[in-house]
Amino acid sequence: MTNIGKMLKQAQQLQQRMGEMQNALGDLVVEGAAGGGMVTATMTGKGDLRALKIDPKIVDPADSTLLEDLVVAAVNDARAKVERMVAEEMGKLTGGLGLPPGMKLPF
């Protein structure tokens, strides 16, 4: 088999595995937290926010700024965890390809 034929076959296999990984990410659930767990955000591996829980003890109608900040922090924490997990899975898939550092798939 020529080098190009071999590369095309590897690319097809990679594309199939990436599709499988993307489907699996929809089933992955990650929880981010802020305020010592007073606010938690549950997100899928695809970045869909599924749930947001707020401990009633921190709800102060006179100071909504703190609550807003905690919600943002919890969502960002969940998103960062999702990004790390996706990067790890992509590393497993592309480990043998010899991609240059910093090059991410999908393009």
Foldseek 3Di string as FASTA:
>chain_A
DDPVVVVVVLVVVLVVVVVVVVVVQQVAWFKFFPPVRQWIWIATLVLHTDDIHHNPVPDDVVCCPVVVVRNVRRSVRRVVVSVVVVVVVQCVSCVPVPDDPPDDPPD
